[in-house]
Amino acid sequence: MNTSAVAEPNFSPIEVIACPYCGELNESTYVHCRQCDTLLLTDAARAVVLPQASQRSGCVLVYAAFLGGTAVALVTAAIAAHDASAGWTLLLAAFEALVAFGLWRHRNWARFTVIVMQCLNVLFGLILIATGSLEGIALAAIGATIAYWFYANDQFFH
């Protein structure tokens, strides 16, 4: 007769954290919500991982606000235009608003998008210079400066 006891499985409870945005329950080891990608850190982890106020870049926030303002201006222009270009203008405004939101949240994809956009501005500036327009110098210089800053300051993004 076998009297050995059956070993009970040792289940340890999984710690979960609710997403503050959508309410999805996620394992406490997750950094972002698996449903909506919102940051899911505990208060202790937030102090270590998130940039503190002194580590947040004012340049990123100012550029995000600039893009957001440009998006609002584009929407206003599209509404006033009443022509075929209004749809493209609204599409550009939505794109700029999305990038502004990403920058505000310090997302790396938004940083990469800004770098690509500014490299295109540099290229366009060089084309203008080749056609004899001096405005191309300013466009290329500003685009190169912004692209370099976002390239060199990746520590502000996650």
C-alpha atoms as a PDB file:
ATOM      1  CA  MET A   1       0.000   0.000   0.000  1.00  0.00           C
ATOM      2  CA  ASN A   2       1.444   3.307  -1.125  1.00  0.00           C
ATOM      3  CA  THR A   3       1.054   5.927   1.556  1.00  0.00           C
ATOM      4  CA  SER A   4       3.159   8.606  -0.025  1.00  0.00           C
ATOM      5  CA  ALA A   5       1.432  11.934  -0.077  1.00  0.00           C
ATOM      6  CA  VAL A   6       0.710  13.574  -3.372  1.00  0.00           C
ATOM      7  CA  ALA A   7       2.705  16.761  -3.596  1.00  0.00           C
ATOM      8  CA  GLU A   8       0.539  19.810  -3.895  1.00  0.00           C
ATOM      9  CA  PRO A   9       1.593  22.133  -6.689  1.00  0.00           C
ATOM     10  CA  ASN A  10       3.233  25.274  -5.438  1.00  0.00           C
ATOM     11  CA  PHE A  11       1.386  28.087  -7.148  1.00  0.00           C
ATOM     12  CA  SER A  12       2.610  31.513  -6.318  1.00  0.00           C
ATOM     13  CA  PRO A  13       0.182  34.296  -7.076  1.00  0.00           C
ATOM     14  CA  ILE A  14       1.064  36.420 -10.064  1.00  0.00           C
ATOM     15  CA  GLU A  15       1.183  40.085  -9.254  1.00  0.00           C
ATOM     16  CA  VAL A  16      -0.838  42.136 -11.680  1.00  0.00           C
ATOM     17  CA  ILE A  17      -1.170  45.807 -12.340  1.00  0.00           C
ATOM     18  CA  ALA A  18      -4.192  47.427 -13.965  1.00  0.00           C
ATOM     19  CA  CYS A  19      -3.574  49.758 -16.860  1.00  0.00           C
ATOM     20  CA  PRO A  20      -4.496  53.298 -15.787  1.00  0.00           C
ATOM     21  CA  TYR A  21      -5.803  54.006 -19.288  1.00  0.00           C
ATOM     22  CA  CYS A  22      -7.811  50.955 -20.403  1.00  0.00           C
ATOM     23  CA  GLY A  23      -8.060  48.849 -17.217  1.00  0.00           C
ATOM     24  CA  GLU A  24      -6.404  45.741 -18.752  1.00  0.00           C
ATOM     25  CA  LEU A  25      -4.768  43.494 -16.138  1.00  0.00           C
ATOM     26  CA  ASN A  26      -1.087  42.953 -16.913  1.00  0.00           C
ATOM     27  CA  GLU A  27       1.659  41.037 -15.153  1.00  0.00           C
ATOM     28  CA  SER A  28       3.612  43.320 -12.860  1.00  0.00           C
ATOM     29  CA  THR A  29       6.763  42.623 -14.894  1.00  0.00           C
ATOM     30  CA  TYR A  30       5.273  44.313 -17.977  1.00  0.00           C
ATOM     31  CA  VAL A  31       6.459  47.825 -18.695  1.00  0.00           C
ATOM     32  CA  HIS A  32       3.699  48.682 -21.170  1.00  0.00           C
ATOM     33  CA  CYS A  33       0.072  47.562 -21.275  1.00  0.00           C
ATOM     34  CA  ARG A  34      -0.379  44.647 -23.624  1.00  0.00           C
ATOM     35  CA  GLN A  35      -3.688  46.137 -24.780  1.00  0.00           C
ATOM     36  CA  CYS A  36      -2.987  49.841 -25.355  1.00  0.00           C
ATOM     37  CA  ASP A  37       0.801  50.275 -24.813  1.00  0.00           C
ATOM     38  CA  THR A  38       0.381  52.712 -21.907  1.00  0.00           C
ATOM     39  CA  LEU A  39       3.298  52.795 -19.468  1.00  0.00           C
ATOM     40  CA  LEU A  40       2.620  50.429 -16.539  1.00  0.00           C
ATOM     41  CA  LEU A  41       5.211  51.017 -13.898  1.00  0.00           C
ATOM     42  CA  THR A  42       4.776  50.862 -10.158  1.00  0.00           C
ATOM     43  CA  ASP A  43       5.579  54.010  -8.227  1.00  0.00           C
ATOM     44  CA  ALA A  44       8.992  52.649  -7.171  1.00  0.00           C
ATOM     45  CA  ALA A  45       9.900  51.630 -10.716  1.00  0.00           C
ATOM     46  CA  ARG A  46       8.580  54.896 -12.124  1.00  0.00           C
ATOM     47  CA  ALA A  47      11.143  56.814 -10.086  1.00  0.00           C
ATOM     48  CA  VAL A  48      13.957  54.747 -11.608  1.00  0.00           C
ATOM     49  CA  VAL A  49      12.823  54.344 -15.220  1.00  0.00           C
ATOM     50  CA  LEU A  50      10.920  57.489 -16.126  1.00  0.00           C
ATOM     51  CA  PRO A  51      12.855  60.664 -16.728  1.00  0.00           C
ATOM     52  CA  GLN A  52      12.578  62.981 -13.789  1.00  0.00           C
ATOM     53  CA  ALA A  53      11.606  66.585 -14.389  1.00  0.00           C
ATOM     54  CA  SER A  54      15.294  67.538 -14.473  1.00  0.00           C
ATOM     55  CA  GLN A  55      15.992  64.738 -17.002  1.00  0.00           C
ATOM     56  CA  ARG A  56      13.108  65.580 -19.332  1.00  0.00           C
ATOM     57  CA  SER A  57      14.151  67.604 -22.298  1.00  0.00           C
ATOM     58  CA  GLY A  58      12.548  70.959 -22.762  1.00  0.00           C
ATOM     59  CA  CYS A  59      13.634  70.842 -26.415  1.00  0.00           C
ATOM     60  CA  VAL A  60      11.498  67.756 -27.022  1.00  0.00           C
ATOM     61  CA  LEU A  61       8.467  69.300 -25.355  1.00  0.00           C
ATOM     62  CA  VAL A  62       8.889  72.603 -27.205  1.00  0.00           C
ATOM     63  CA  TYR A  63       9.213  70.799 -30.542  1.00  0.00           C
ATOM     64  CA  ALA A  64       6.161  68.670 -29.707  1.00  0.00           C
ATOM     65  CA  ALA A  65       4.193  71.833 -28.897  1.00  0.00           C
ATOM     66  CA  PHE A  66       5.415  73.401 -32.155  1.00  0.00           C
ATOM     67  CA  LEU A  67       4.242  70.377 -34.172  1.00  0.00           C
ATOM     68  CA  GLY A  68       0.916  70.389 -32.357  1.00  0.00           C
ATOM     69  CA  GLY A  69       0.463  74.086 -33.106  1.00  0.00           C
ATOM     70  CA  THR A  70       1.364  73.484 -36.737  1.00  0.00           C
ATOM     71  CA  ALA A  71      -1.252  70.720 -36.885  1.00  0.00           C
ATOM     72  CA  VAL A  72      -3.912  73.096 -35.537  1.00  0.00           C
ATOM     73  CA  ALA A  73      -2.885  75.756 -38.085  1.00  0.00           C
ATOM     74  CA  LEU A  74      -3.095  73.195 -40.893  1.00  0.00           C
ATOM     75  CA  VAL A  75      -6.591  72.151 -39.820  1.00  0.00           C
ATOM     76  CA  THR A  76      -7.660  75.793 -39.765  1.00  0.00           C
ATOM     77  CA  ALA A  77      -6.184  76.353 -43.237  1.00  0.00           C
ATOM     78  CA  ALA A  78      -7.879  73.226 -44.591  1.00  0.00           C
ATOM     79  CA  ILE A  79     -11.251  74.320 -43.261  1.00  0.00           C
ATOM     80  CA  ALA A  80     -10.838  77.779 -44.787  1.00  0.00           C
ATOM     81  CA  ALA A  81      -9.516  76.494 -48.149  1.00  0.00           C
ATOM     82  CA  HIS A  82     -12.554  74.597 -49.445  1.00  0.00           C
ATOM     83  CA  ASP A  83     -10.546  73.100 -52.313  1.00  0.00           C
ATOM     84  CA  ALA A  84      -9.085  69.760 -53.375  1.00  0.00           C
ATOM     85  CA  SER A  85      -5.934  70.217 -51.301  1.00  0.00           C
ATOM     86  CA  ALA A  86      -7.910  70.345 -48.032  1.00  0.00           C
ATOM     87  CA  GLY A  87      -7.892  66.550 -47.707  1.00  0.00           C
ATOM     88  CA  TRP A  88      -4.112  66.355 -48.025  1.00  0.00           C
ATOM     89  CA  THR A  89      -3.727  69.241 -45.600  1.00  0.00           C
ATOM     90  CA  LEU A  90      -5.899  67.434 -43.038  1.00  0.00           C
ATOM     91  CA  LEU A  91      -3.859  64.256 -43.543  1.00  0.00           C
ATOM     92  CA  LEU A  92      -0.634  66.178 -42.923  1.00  0.00           C
ATOM     93  CA  ALA A  93      -2.191  67.794 -39.832  1.00  0.00           C
ATOM     94  CA  ALA A  94      -3.155  64.378 -38.442  1.00  0.00           C
ATOM     95  CA  PHE A  95       0.365  63.078 -39.081  1.00  0.00           C
ATOM     96  CA  GLU A  96       1.962  66.057 -37.321  1.00  0.00           C
ATOM     97  CA  ALA A  97      -0.454  65.732 -34.391  1.00  0.00           C
ATOM     98  CA  LEU A  98       0.450  62.047 -34.061  1.00  0.00           C
ATOM     99  CA  VAL A  99       4.186  62.804 -34.064  1.00  0.00           C
ATOM    100  CA  ALA A 100       3.639  65.643 -31.561  1.00  0.00           C
ATOM    101  CA  PHE A 101       1.801  63.225 -29.261  1.00  0.00           C
ATOM    102  CA  GLY A 102       4.614  60.687 -29.596  1.00  0.00           C
ATOM    103  CA  LEU A 103       7.229  63.299 -28.764  1.00  0.00           C
ATOM    104  CA  TRP A 104       5.209  64.515 -25.789  1.00  0.00           C
ATOM    105  CA  ARG A 105       5.239  60.928 -24.479  1.00  0.00           C
ATOM    106  CA  HIS A 106       8.963  60.591 -25.354  1.00  0.00           C
ATOM    107  CA  ARG A 107       8.419  57.681 -27.742  1.00  0.00           C
ATOM    108  CA  ASN A 108      11.392  56.519 -29.785  1.00  0.00           C
ATOM    109  CA  TRP A 109       9.290  56.049 -32.945  1.00  0.00           C
ATOM    110  CA  ALA A 110       8.442  59.772 -32.841  1.00  0.00           C
ATOM    111  CA  ARG A 111      12.137  60.639 -32.465  1.00  0.00           C
ATOM    112  CA  PHE A 112      12.962  58.519 -35.498  1.00  0.00           C
ATOM    113  CA  THR A 113      10.132  60.140 -37.478  1.00  0.00           C
ATOM    114  CA  VAL A 114      11.468  63.617 -36.676  1.00  0.00           C
ATOM    115  CA  ILE A 115      14.954  62.594 -37.815  1.00  0.00           C
ATOM    116  CA  VAL A 116      13.574  61.300 -41.129  1.00  0.00           C
ATOM    117  CA  MET A 117      11.392  64.399 -41.623  1.00  0.00           C
ATOM    118  CA  GLN A 118      14.315  66.729 -40.975  1.00  0.00           C
ATOM    119  CA  CYS A 119      16.632  64.773 -43.280  1.00  0.00           C
ATOM    120  CA  LEU A 120      14.002  65.285 -45.987  1.00  0.00           C
ATOM    121  CA  ASN A 121      14.031  69.013 -45.156  1.00  0.00           C
ATOM    122  CA  VAL A 122      17.819  69.049 -45.564  1.00  0.00           C
ATOM    123  CA  LEU A 123      17.462  67.341 -48.952  1.00  0.00           C
ATOM    124  CA  PHE A 124      14.782  69.813 -50.021  1.00  0.00           C
ATOM    125  CA  GLY A 125      16.997  72.688 -48.809  1.00  0.00           C
ATOM    126  CA  LEU A 126      19.889  71.395 -50.894  1.00  0.00           C
ATOM    127  CA  ILE A 127      17.610  71.208 -53.944  1.00  0.00           C
ATOM    128  CA  LEU A 128      16.568  74.815 -53.334  1.00  0.00           C
ATOM    129  CA  ILE A 129      20.221  75.857 -53.040  1.00  0.00           C
ATOM    130  CA  ALA A 130      20.996  74.104 -56.330  1.00  0.00           C
ATOM    131  CA  THR A 131      18.202  76.046 -58.020  1.00  0.00           C
ATOM    132  CA  GLY A 132      19.613  79.342 -56.751  1.00  0.00           C
ATOM    133  CA  SER A 133      17.311  79.967 -53.785  1.00  0.00           C
ATOM    134  CA  LEU A 134      19.068  81.251 -50.686  1.00  0.00           C
ATOM    135  CA  GLU A 135      16.123  80.118 -48.521  1.00  0.00           C
ATOM    136  CA  GLY A 136      17.459  76.600 -48.983  1.00  0.00           C
ATOM    137  CA  ILE A 137      20.464  77.425 -46.802  1.00  0.00           C
ATOM    138  CA  ALA A 138      18.256  78.188 -43.803  1.00  0.00           C
ATOM    139  CA  LEU A 139      16.017  75.164 -44.459  1.00  0.00           C
ATOM    140  CA  ALA A 140      19.002  72.796 -44.728  1.00  0.00           C
ATOM    141  CA  ALA A 141      20.770  74.267 -41.686  1.00  0.00           C
ATOM    142  CA  ILE A 142      17.702  74.160 -39.448  1.00  0.00           C
ATOM    143  CA  GLY A 143      16.781  70.660 -40.616  1.00  0.00           C
ATOM    144  CA  ALA A 144      20.318  69.380 -40.037  1.00  0.00           C
ATOM    145  CA  THR A 145      20.441  70.915 -36.561  1.00  0.00           C
ATOM    146  CA  ILE A 146      17.121  69.405 -35.493  1.00  0.00           C
ATOM    147  CA  ALA A 147      17.962  65.995 -36.998  1.00  0.00           C
ATOM    148  CA  TYR A 148      21.340  65.950 -35.255  1.00  0.00           C
ATOM    149  CA  TRP A 149      19.858  66.951 -31.892  1.00  0.00           C
ATOM    150  CA  PHE A 150      17.254  64.181 -31.983  1.00  0.00           C
ATOM    151  CA  TYR A 151      19.896  61.693 -33.178  1.00  0.00           C
ATOM    152  CA  ALA A 152      22.361  62.599 -30.413  1.00  0.00           C
ATOM    153  CA  ASN A 153      19.837  62.787 -27.543  1.00  0.00           C
ATOM    154  CA  ASP A 154      18.226  59.352 -27.590  1.00  0.00           C
ATOM    155  CA  GLN A 155      18.449  59.094 -23.778  1.00  0.00           C
ATOM    156  CA  PHE A 156      15.193  61.036 -23.491  1.00  0.00           C
ATOM    157  CA  PHE A 157      13.171  58.424 -25.381  1.00  0.00           C
ATOM    158  CA  HIS A 158      11.874  54.941 -24.686  1.00  0.00           C
END
